[in-house]
Amino acid sequence: MGNEEQILQHLSQISEKLQKLEAQNLQKKQIFNFVEGCQYIGLSESYIYKLTSTNRIPFFRPTGKLIYFKREDLDAWLLRNRQSSVEEIQQLASQVTLKGGTIRNIL
């Protein structure tokens, strides 16, 4: 293996380790800047800009320009509109049938 190949291999290893460290650091933060928020939820910056401009995702703009996110707000936003599993729907239907009521009375 040539000297250049060894250097490229070491650079690649360093790059992988750096990416892992950045991901670990992101998992510890409670407040994200715009880019970190996009990385955390895995959506493109352009789409997140669209969501913030239409107020469809919670965010903070303390200086009137820069955008920040709270981890708990992003987690709640990601977990909205939960879809029930087939098993949960069947269980609910059984409860309605057995109790002779409506879904609203059981929930």
Foldseek 3Di string as FASTA:
>chain_A
DDPVVVVVVVVVVVVVVVVVVVVVVLVPDFKAWLVSLCVVVVHDSVVVVVCVVVVVADWDDPPVPTIMDGPVSSVVSVCPPDDDDPVVVVVLVVVCVVVVHDSVVVD
